Amino acid sequence: MARPLKPEHLRRSKLFPLRLTPGEFARYERAARKLGVTVAEMLREGAEIYIQTRGRDGSPKKETRK
């Protein structure tokens, strides 16, 4: 039995070429293995965290004190 198709908006069809040094690649590969995820998944989640922690102007968000 074939696997059901994912909805169009959930299909990962776009590639984002990224050049890494051999050292960077090895570091990310080790970290992903340790975390039990793929390198792609780790980089996607890391990018999301990076975006969420930046302000509108691209600078780090400042913590607001109450």
Protein backbone atom coordinates (compact mmCIF):
# COMPACT_ATOMS: atom_id res chain seq x y z
CA MET A 1 0.00 0.00 0.00
CA ALA A 2 1.37 3.40 -0.96
CA ARG A 3 1.86 6.18 1.51
CA PRO A 4 -0.84 8.90 1.39
CA LEU A 5 0.19 12.11 -0.35
CA LYS A 6 0.92 15.15 1.78
CA PRO A 7 -1.05 18.34 1.14
CA GLU A 8 0.73 20.65 -1.30
CA HIS A 9 1.62 23.23 1.37
CA LEU A 10 3.44 20.57 3.45
CA ARG A 11 5.54 19.10 0.63
CA ARG A 12 9.20 19.99 0.88
CA SER A 13 10.08 20.54 -2.75
CA LYS A 14 12.38 23.56 -2.60
CA LEU A 15 16.14 23.16 -2.26
CA PHE A 16 18.40 25.67 -0.56
CA PRO A 17 22.04 25.07 -1.50
CA LEU A 18 24.34 25.78 1.42
CA ARG A 19 28.12 25.63 1.27
CA LEU A 20 29.89 24.44 4.41
CA THR A 21 33.48 23.76 5.29
CA PRO A 22 34.27 20.11 6.04
CA GLY A 23 34.56 21.08 9.71
CA GLU A 24 31.16 22.77 9.79
CA PHE A 25 29.56 19.81 8.03
CA ALA A 26 31.10 17.34 10.48
CA ARG A 27 30.04 19.46 13.47
CA TYR A 28 26.43 19.71 12.28
CA GLU A 29 26.32 16.02 11.41
CA ARG A 30 27.59 15.03 14.89
CA ALA A 31 25.14 17.39 16.60
CA ALA A 32 22.19 16.12 14.55
CA ARG A 33 23.10 12.50 15.28
CA LYS A 34 23.34 13.28 18.99
CA LEU A 35 19.91 15.00 18.87
CA GLY A 36 18.37 12.16 16.87
CA VAL A 37 17.30 14.34 13.95
CA THR A 38 18.50 14.95 10.41
CA VAL A 39 20.90 17.79 9.66
CA ALA A 40 18.17 19.41 7.51
CA GLU A 41 15.66 19.24 10.37
CA MET A 42 18.17 20.71 12.81
CA LEU A 43 19.00 23.58 10.45
CA ARG A 44 15.31 24.29 9.71
CA GLU A 45 14.46 24.42 13.42
CA GLY A 46 17.55 26.53 14.12
CA ALA A 47 16.56 28.99 11.41
CA GLU A 48 13.05 29.27 12.88
CA ILE A 49 14.48 29.97 16.34
CA TYR A 50 16.83 32.57 14.86
CA ILE A 51 13.97 34.34 13.06
CA GLN A 52 11.76 34.32 16.17
CA THR A 53 14.48 35.86 18.35
CA ARG A 54 15.15 38.82 16.02
CA GLY A 55 13.32 42.14 16.00
CA ARG A 56 11.68 43.69 12.94
CA ASP A 57 14.88 45.52 12.06
CA GLY A 58 16.96 42.32 12.28
CA SER A 59 18.58 43.18 15.58
CA PRO A 60 18.27 40.86 18.58
CA LYS A 61 15.04 41.36 20.51
CA LYS A 62 15.53 43.11 23.80
CA GLU A 63 14.01 41.55 26.90
CA THR A 64 11.36 43.71 28.44
CA ARG A 65 11.38 44.03 32.20
CA LYS A 66 8.21 44.33 34.21
